[in-house]
């Protein structure tokens, strides 16, 4: 095994841990009493969800998911 195999392996493990932590930090889709009434979209919070903490967590989760897939493919192909 080369040094790059170890580097990619460590990066892959770090991305996996970060992905698990980010998924656990996110709220469920049916959180709060507003979800029962269906009025969550009409609030200021619902309209600006992309700029909120949840929106940022979702964007980071998507980015880490892409990194996860790329690292998994690279490590399985044995390019390094």
PDB file of N, CA and C in Angstrom:
ATOM      1  N   UNK A   1       0.849  -1.183   0.000  1.00  0.00           N
ATOM      2  CA  UNK A   1       0.000   0.000   0.000  1.00  0.00           C
ATOM      3  C   UNK A   1       0.888   1.238   0.000  1.00  0.00           C
ATOM      4  N   UNK A   2       0.481   2.193  -0.792  1.00  0.00           N
ATOM      5  CA  UNK A   2       1.254   3.422  -0.867  1.00  0.00           C
ATOM      6  C   UNK A   2       0.775   4.422   0.184  1.00  0.00           C
ATOM      7  N   UNK A   3       1.486   5.514   0.259  1.00  0.00           N
ATOM      8  CA  UNK A   3       1.148   6.561   1.225  1.00  0.00           C
ATOM      9  C   UNK A   3      -0.202   7.191   0.884  1.00  0.00           C
ATOM     10  N   UNK A   4      -0.480   7.318  -0.409  1.00  0.00           N
ATOM     11  CA  UNK A   4      -1.764   7.921  -0.802  1.00  0.00           C
ATOM     12  C   UNK A   4      -2.948   7.055  -0.391  1.00  0.00           C
ATOM     13  N   UNK A   5      -2.771   5.750  -0.355  1.00  0.00           N
ATOM     14  CA  UNK A   5      -3.845   4.876   0.133  1.00  0.00           C
ATOM     15  C   UNK A   5      -4.178   5.207   1.588  1.00  0.00           C
ATOM     16  N   UNK A   6      -3.156   5.400   2.380  1.00  0.00           N
ATOM     17  CA  UNK A   6      -3.379   5.739   3.790  1.00  0.00           C
ATOM     18  C   UNK A   6      -3.999   7.115   3.940  1.00  0.00           C
ATOM     19  N   UNK A   7      -3.539   8.068   3.119  1.00  0.00           N
ATOM     20  CA  UNK A   7      -4.090   9.430   3.188  1.00  0.00           C
ATOM     21  C   UNK A   7      -5.560   9.410   2.816  1.00  0.00           C
ATOM     22  N   UNK A   8      -5.907   8.749   1.698  1.00  0.00           N
ATOM     23  CA  UNK A   8      -7.310   8.678   1.296  1.00  0.00           C
ATOM     24  C   UNK A   8      -8.144   7.889   2.293  1.00  0.00           C
ATOM     25  N   UNK A   9      -7.564   6.874   2.901  1.00  0.00           N
ATOM     26  CA  UNK A   9      -8.281   6.101   3.923  1.00  0.00           C
ATOM     27  C   UNK A   9      -8.609   6.941   5.139  1.00  0.00           C
ATOM     28  N   UNK A  10      -7.642   7.735   5.589  1.00  0.00           N
ATOM     29  CA  UNK A  10      -7.881   8.614   6.748  1.00  0.00           C
ATOM     30  C   UNK A  10      -8.904   9.688   6.394  1.00  0.00           C
ATOM     31  N   UNK A  11      -8.787  10.280   5.209  1.00  0.00           N
ATOM     32  CA  UNK A  11      -9.773  11.288   4.796  1.00  0.00           C
ATOM     33  C   UNK A  11     -11.171  10.681   4.680  1.00  0.00           C
ATOM     34  N   UNK A  12     -11.236   9.446   4.183  1.00  0.00           N
ATOM     35  CA  UNK A  12     -12.522   8.760   4.056  1.00  0.00           C
ATOM     36  C   UNK A  12     -13.147   8.543   5.435  1.00  0.00           C
ATOM     37  N   UNK A  13     -12.357   8.135   6.401  1.00  0.00           N
ATOM     38  CA  UNK A  13     -12.872   7.931   7.760  1.00  0.00           C
ATOM     39  C   UNK A  13     -13.336   9.246   8.369  1.00  0.00           C
ATOM     40  N   UNK A  14     -12.587  10.320   8.161  1.00  0.00           N
ATOM     41  CA  UNK A  14     -12.992  11.628   8.685  1.00  0.00           C
ATOM     42  C   UNK A  14     -14.300  12.112   8.052  1.00  0.00           C
ATOM     43  N   UNK A  15     -14.443  11.896   6.731  1.00  0.00           N
ATOM     44  CA  UNK A  15     -15.691  12.282   6.055  1.00  0.00           C
ATOM     45  C   UNK A  15     -16.851  11.444   6.589  1.00  0.00           C
ATOM     46  N   UNK A  16     -16.629  10.156   6.825  1.00  0.00           N
ATOM     47  CA  UNK A  16     -17.684   9.289   7.368  1.00  0.00           C
ATOM     48  C   UNK A  16     -18.138   9.758   8.746  1.00  0.00           C
ATOM     49  N   UNK A  17     -17.191  10.072   9.609  1.00  0.00           N
ATOM     50  CA  UNK A  17     -17.539  10.536  10.960  1.00  0.00           C
ATOM     51  C   UNK A  17     -18.281  11.859  10.893  1.00  0.00           C
ATOM     52  N   UNK A  18     -17.788  12.791  10.063  1.00  0.00           N
ATOM     53  CA  UNK A  18     -18.452  14.089   9.939  1.00  0.00           C
ATOM     54  C   UNK A  18     -19.863  13.937   9.378  1.00  0.00           C
ATOM     55  N   UNK A  19     -20.037  13.027   8.440  1.00  0.00           N
ATOM     56  CA  UNK A  19     -21.357  12.799   7.845  1.00  0.00           C
ATOM     57  C   UNK A  19     -22.337  12.249   8.868  1.00  0.00           C
ATOM     58  N   UNK A  20     -21.895  11.319   9.685  1.00  0.00           N
ATOM     59  CA  UNK A  20     -22.761  10.759  10.723  1.00  0.00           C
ATOM     60  C   UNK A  20     -23.155  11.839  11.730  1.00  0.00           C
ATOM     61  N   UNK A  21     -22.192  12.651  12.138  1.00  0.00           N
ATOM     62  CA  UNK A  21     -22.479  13.713  13.112  1.00  0.00           C
ATOM     63  C   UNK A  21     -23.459  14.726  12.530  1.00  0.00           C
ATOM     64  N   UNK A  22     -23.265  15.128  11.269  1.00  0.00           N
ATOM     65  CA  UNK A  22     -24.169  16.098  10.651  1.00  0.00           C
ATOM     66  C   UNK A  22     -25.586  15.558  10.496  1.00  0.00           C
ATOM     67  N   UNK A  23     -25.716  14.303  10.136  1.00  0.00           N
ATOM     68  CA  UNK A  23     -27.054  13.710   9.994  1.00  0.00           C
ATOM     69  C   UNK A  23     -27.758  13.664  11.347  1.00  0.00           C
ATOM     70  N   UNK A  24     -27.013  13.349  12.386  1.00  0.00           N
ATOM     71  CA  UNK A  24     -27.616  13.288  13.720  1.00  0.00           C
ATOM     72  C   UNK A  24     -27.969  14.675  14.259  1.00  0.00           C
ATOM     73  N   UNK A  25     -27.287  15.710  13.793  1.00  0.00           N
ATOM     74  CA  UNK A  25     -27.575  17.066  14.259  1.00  0.00           C
ATOM     75  C   UNK A  25     -28.840  17.654  13.637  1.00  0.00           C
ATOM     76  N   UNK A  26     -29.275  17.113  12.504  1.00  0.00           N
ATOM     77  CA  UNK A  26     -30.428  17.675  11.811  1.00  0.00           C
ATOM     78  C   UNK A  26     -31.724  17.280  12.496  1.00  0.00           C
ATOM     79  N   UNK A  27     -32.699  18.177  12.396  1.00  0.00           N
ATOM     80  CA  UNK A  27     -34.026  17.905  12.947  1.00  0.00           C
ATOM     81  C   UNK A  27     -34.819  17.057  11.970  1.00  0.00           C
ATOM     82  N   UNK A  28     -35.806  16.356  12.501  1.00  0.00           N
ATOM     83  CA  UNK A  28     -36.692  15.590  11.650  1.00  0.00           C
ATOM     84  C   UNK A  28     -37.613  16.502  10.858  1.00  0.00           C
ATOM     85  N   UNK A  29     -38.216  15.974   9.810  1.00  0.00           N
ATOM     86  CA  UNK A  29     -39.097  16.792   8.978  1.00  0.00           C
ATOM     87  C   UNK A  29     -40.397  17.157   9.682  1.00  0.00           C
ATOM     88  N   UNK A  30     -40.815  16.398  10.666  1.00  0.00           N
ATOM     89  CA  UNK A  30     -42.078  16.661  11.336  1.00  0.00           C
ATOM     90  C   UNK A  30     -41.862  17.230  12.740  1.00  0.00           C
ATOM     91  N   UNK A  31     -40.840  18.035  12.936  1.00  0.00           N
ATOM     92  CA  UNK A  31     -40.579  18.635  14.242  1.00  0.00           C
ATOM     93  C   UNK A  31     -41.517  19.828  14.456  1.00  0.00           C
ATOM     94  N   UNK A  32     -42.002  19.969  15.642  1.00  0.00           N
ATOM     95  CA  UNK A  32     -42.793  21.130  16.003  1.00  0.00           C
ATOM     96  C   UNK A  32     -44.273  20.961  15.749  1.00  0.00           C
ATOM     97  N   UNK A  33     -45.069  21.761  16.444  1.00  0.00           N
ATOM     98  CA  UNK A  33     -46.521  21.699  16.286  1.00  0.00           C
ATOM     99  C   UNK A  33     -46.996  22.349  14.998  1.00  0.00           C
ATOM    100  N   UNK A  34     -46.181  23.235  14.424  1.00  0.00           N
ATOM    101  CA  UNK A  34     -46.567  23.867  13.169  1.00  0.00           C
ATOM    102  C   UNK A  34     -46.654  22.872  12.032  1.00  0.00           C
ATOM    103  N   UNK A  35     -45.903  21.796  12.101  1.00  0.00           N
ATOM    104  CA  UNK A  35     -45.937  20.788  11.047  1.00  0.00           C
ATOM    105  C   UNK A  35     -47.269  20.048  11.037  1.00  0.00           C
ATOM    106  N   UNK A  36     -47.928  19.960  12.202  1.00  0.00           N
ATOM    107  CA  UNK A  36     -49.225  19.290  12.269  1.00  0.00           C
ATOM    108  C   UNK A  36     -50.281  20.109  11.533  1.00  0.00           C
ATOM    109  N   UNK A  37     -50.216  21.420  11.703  1.00  0.00           N
ATOM    110  CA  UNK A  37     -51.199  22.297  11.078  1.00  0.00           C
ATOM    111  C   UNK A  37     -50.843  22.620   9.633  1.00  0.00           C
ATOM    112  N   UNK A  38     -49.608  22.381   9.236  1.00  0.00           N
ATOM    113  CA  UNK A  38     -49.198  22.691   7.872  1.00  0.00           C
ATOM    114  C   UNK A  38     -48.871  24.148   7.660  1.00  0.00           C
ATOM    115  N   UNK A  39     -48.591  24.885   8.728  1.00  0.00           N
ATOM    116  CA  UNK A  39     -48.341  26.317   8.594  1.00  0.00           C
ATOM    117  C   UNK A  39     -46.868  26.675   8.670  1.00  0.00           C
ATOM    118  N   UNK A  40     -45.998  25.702   8.610  1.00  0.00           N
ATOM    119  CA  UNK A  40     -44.570  25.970   8.748  1.00  0.00           C
ATOM    120  C   UNK A  40     -44.045  26.757   7.555  1.00  0.00           C
ATOM    121  N   UNK A  41     -44.556  26.506   6.347  1.00  0.00           N
ATOM    122  CA  UNK A  41     -44.057  27.181   5.151  1.00  0.00           C
ATOM    123  C   UNK A  41     -44.405  28.660   5.127  1.00  0.00           C
ATOM    124  N   UNK A  42     -45.442  29.072   5.855  1.00  0.00           N
ATOM    125  CA  UNK A  42     -45.898  30.453   5.791  1.00  0.00           C
ATOM    126  C   UNK A  42     -45.177  31.380   6.765  1.00  0.00           C
ATOM    127  N   UNK A  43     -44.316  30.849   7.571  1.00  0.00           N
ATOM    128  CA  UNK A  43     -43.615  31.672   8.539  1.00  0.00           C
ATOM    129  C   UNK A  43     -42.340  32.227   7.926  1.00  0.00           C
ATOM    130  N   UNK A  44     -41.765  33.213   8.597  1.00  0.00           N
ATOM    131  CA  UNK A  44     -40.484  33.761   8.157  1.00  0.00           C
ATOM    132  C   UNK A  44     -39.422  32.677   8.171  1.00  0.00           C
ATOM    133  N   UNK A  45     -39.443  31.828   9.189  1.00  0.00           N
ATOM    134  CA  UNK A  45     -38.466  30.756   9.312  1.00  0.00           C
ATOM    135  C   UNK A  45     -38.586  29.779   8.144  1.00  0.00           C
ATOM    136  N   UNK A  46     -39.790  29.456   7.747  1.00  0.00           N
ATOM    137  CA  UNK A  46     -39.993  28.517   6.652  1.00  0.00           C
ATOM    138  C   UNK A  46     -39.567  29.082   5.312  1.00  0.00           C
ATOM    139  N   UNK A  47     -39.757  30.385   5.104  1.00  0.00           N
ATOM    140  CA  UNK A  47     -39.389  31.006   3.832  1.00  0.00           C
ATOM    141  C   UNK A  47     -37.880  31.158   3.688  1.00  0.00           C
ATOM    142  N   UNK A  48     -37.162  31.335   4.785  1.00  0.00           N
ATOM    143  CA  UNK A  48     -35.716  31.544   4.745  1.00  0.00           C
ATOM    144  C   UNK A  48     -34.959  30.330   5.271  1.00  0.00           C
ATOM    145  N   UNK A  49     -35.459  29.160   4.992  1.00  0.00           N
ATOM    146  CA  UNK A  49     -34.871  27.941   5.533  1.00  0.00           C
ATOM    147  C   UNK A  49     -33.460  27.705   4.988  1.00  0.00           C
ATOM    148  N   UNK A  50     -33.164  28.147   3.775  1.00  0.00           N
ATOM    149  CA  UNK A  50     -31.845  27.954   3.200  1.00  0.00           C
ATOM    150  C   UNK A  50     -30.757  28.715   3.924  1.00  0.00           C
ATOM    151  N   UNK A  51     -31.116  29.806   4.580  1.00  0.00           N
ATOM    152  CA  UNK A  51     -30.142  30.616   5.307  1.00  0.00           C
ATOM    153  C   UNK A  51     -30.064  30.245   6.783  1.00  0.00           C
ATOM    154  N   UNK A  52     -30.909  29.362   7.210  1.00  0.00           N
ATOM    155  CA  UNK A  52     -30.959  28.987   8.615  1.00  0.00           C
ATOM    156  C   UNK A  52     -29.902  27.936   8.920  1.00  0.00           C
ATOM    157  N   UNK A  53     -29.841  27.565  10.175  1.00  0.00           N
ATOM    158  CA  UNK A  53     -28.908  26.524  10.608  1.00  0.00           C
ATOM    159  C   UNK A  53     -29.218  25.205   9.912  1.00  0.00           C
ATOM    160  N   UNK A  54     -30.492  24.890   9.797  1.00  0.00           N
ATOM    161  CA  UNK A  54     -30.885  23.638   9.142  1.00  0.00           C
ATOM    162  C   UNK A  54     -30.524  23.644   7.663  1.00  0.00           C
ATOM    163  N   UNK A  55     -30.705  24.781   7.006  1.00  0.00           N
ATOM    164  CA  UNK A  55     -30.346  24.877   5.589  1.00  0.00           C
ATOM    165  C   UNK A  55     -28.864  24.700   5.361  1.00  0.00           C
ATOM    166  N   UNK A  56     -28.060  25.293   6.242  1.00  0.00           N
ATOM    167  CA  UNK A  56     -26.613  25.165   6.131  1.00  0.00           C
ATOM    168  C   UNK A  56     -26.182  23.725   6.396  1.00  0.00           C
ATOM    169  N   UNK A  57     -26.785  23.091   7.414  1.00  0.00           N
ATOM    170  CA  UNK A  57     -26.457  21.696   7.703  1.00  0.00           C
ATOM    171  C   UNK A  57     -26.805  20.791   6.523  1.00  0.00           C
ATOM    172  N   UNK A  58     -27.918  21.082   5.863  1.00  0.00           N
ATOM    173  CA  UNK A  58     -28.324  20.273   4.715  1.00  0.00           C
ATOM    174  C   UNK A  58     -27.330  20.416   3.566  1.00  0.00           C
ATOM    175  N   UNK A  59     -26.871  21.647   3.307  1.00  0.00           N
ATOM    176  CA  UNK A  59     -25.912  21.861   2.225  1.00  0.00           C
ATOM    177  C   UNK A  59     -24.581  21.177   2.518  1.00  0.00           C
ATOM    178  N   UNK A  60     -24.120  21.254   3.752  1.00  0.00           N
ATOM    179  CA  UNK A  60     -22.868  20.603   4.122  1.00  0.00           C
ATOM    180  C   UNK A  60     -23.015  19.084   4.029  1.00  0.00           C
ATOM    181  N   UNK A  61     -24.177  18.559   4.411  1.00  0.00           N
ATOM    182  CA  UNK A  61     -24.424  17.124   4.334  1.00  0.00           C
ATOM    183  C   UNK A  61     -24.383  16.642   2.891  1.00  0.00           C
ATOM    184  N   UNK A  62     -24.951  17.404   1.986  1.00  0.00           N
ATOM    185  CA  UNK A  62     -24.924  17.027   0.572  1.00  0.00           C
ATOM    186  C   UNK A  62     -23.483  17.026   0.058  1.00  0.00           C
ATOM    187  N   UNK A  63     -22.722  18.046   0.425  1.00  0.00           N
ATOM    188  CA  UNK A  63     -21.327  18.106  -0.001  1.00  0.00           C
ATOM    189  C   UNK A  63     -20.501  16.947   0.533  1.00  0.00           C
ATOM    190  N   UNK A  64     -20.685  16.621   1.800  1.00  0.00           N
ATOM    191  CA  UNK A  64     -19.961  15.491   2.383  1.00  0.00           C
ATOM    192  C   UNK A  64     -20.409  14.164   1.782  1.00  0.00           C
ATOM    193  N   UNK A  65     -21.670  14.067   1.391  1.00  0.00           N
ATOM    194  CA  UNK A  65     -22.155  12.843   0.741  1.00  0.00           C
ATOM    195  C   UNK A  65     -21.477  12.639  -0.609  1.00  0.00           C
ATOM    196  N   UNK A  66     -21.286  13.720  -1.340  1.00  0.00           N
ATOM    197  CA  UNK A  66     -20.586  13.633  -2.625  1.00  0.00           C
ATOM    198  C   UNK A  66     -19.137  13.216  -2.394  1.00  0.00           C
ATOM    199  N   UNK A  67     -18.481  13.820  -1.392  1.00  0.00           N
ATOM    200  CA  UNK A  67     -17.111  13.426  -1.058  1.00  0.00           C
ATOM    201  C   UNK A  67     -17.030  11.957  -0.653  1.00  0.00           C
ATOM    202  N   UNK A  68     -18.017  11.492   0.089  1.00  0.00           N
ATOM    203  CA  UNK A  68     -18.074  10.090   0.512  1.00  0.00           C
ATOM    204  C   UNK A  68     -18.091   9.171  -0.701  1.00  0.00           C
ATOM    205  N   UNK A  69     -18.933   9.477  -1.669  1.00  0.00           N
ATOM    206  CA  UNK A  69     -19.042   8.635  -2.865  1.00  0.00           C
ATOM    207  C   UNK A  69     -17.742   8.683  -3.671  1.00  0.00           C
ATOM    208  N   UNK A  70     -17.166   9.869  -3.818  1.00  0.00           N
ATOM    209  CA  UNK A  70     -15.926  10.000  -4.585  1.00  0.00           C
ATOM    210  C   UNK A  70     -14.804   9.214  -3.919  1.00  0.00           C
ATOM    211  N   UNK A  71     -14.636   9.369  -2.608  1.00  0.00           N
ATOM    212  CA  UNK A  71     -13.595   8.626  -1.901  1.00  0.00           C
ATOM    213  C   UNK A  71     -13.832   7.123  -1.979  1.00  0.00           C
ATOM    214  N   UNK A  72     -15.081   6.684  -1.876  1.00  0.00           N
ATOM    215  CA  UNK A  72     -15.379   5.261  -1.960  1.00  0.00           C
ATOM    216  C   UNK A  72     -15.008   4.701  -3.330  1.00  0.00           C
ATOM    217  N   UNK A  73     -15.302   5.447  -4.374  1.00  0.00           N
ATOM    218  CA  UNK A  73     -14.959   4.991  -5.737  1.00  0.00           C
ATOM    219  C   UNK A  73     -13.454   4.951  -5.915  1.00  0.00           C
ATOM    220  N   UNK A  74     -12.761   6.010  -5.477  1.00  0.00           N
ATOM    221  CA  UNK A  74     -11.309   6.068  -5.636  1.00  0.00           C
ATOM    222  C   UNK A  74     -10.621   4.951  -4.867  1.00  0.00           C
ATOM    223  N   UNK A  75     -11.074   4.717  -3.645  1.00  0.00           N
ATOM    224  CA  UNK A  75     -10.450   3.666  -2.847  1.00  0.00           C
ATOM    225  C   UNK A  75     -10.722   2.267  -3.400  1.00  0.00           C
ATOM    226  N   UNK A  76     -11.907   2.046  -3.951  1.00  0.00           N
ATOM    227  CA  UNK A  76     -12.228   0.727  -4.500  1.00  0.00           C
ATOM    228  C   UNK A  76     -11.566   0.458  -5.843  1.00  0.00           C
ATOM    229  N   UNK A  77     -11.303   1.505  -6.605  1.00  0.00           N
ATOM    230  CA  UNK A  77     -10.645   1.317  -7.896  1.00  0.00           C
ATOM    231  C   UNK A  77      -9.161   1.046  -7.729  1.00  0.00           C
ATOM    232  N   UNK A  78      -8.595   1.442  -6.605  1.00  0.00           N
ATOM    233  CA  UNK A  78      -7.182   1.201  -6.355  1.00  0.00           C
ATOM    234  C   UNK A  78      -6.281   2.005  -7.268  1.00  0.00           C
ATOM    235  N   UNK A  79      -6.649   3.241  -7.533  1.00  0.00           N
ATOM    236  CA  UNK A  79      -5.853   4.083  -8.427  1.00  0.00           C
ATOM    237  C   UNK A  79      -4.510   4.470  -7.825  1.00  0.00           C
ATOM    238  N   UNK A  80      -4.429   4.480  -6.510  1.00  0.00           N
ATOM    239  CA  UNK A  80      -3.177   4.914  -5.875  1.00  0.00           C
ATOM    240  C   UNK A  80      -2.516   3.766  -5.164  1.00  0.00           C
TER     241      UNK A  80
END
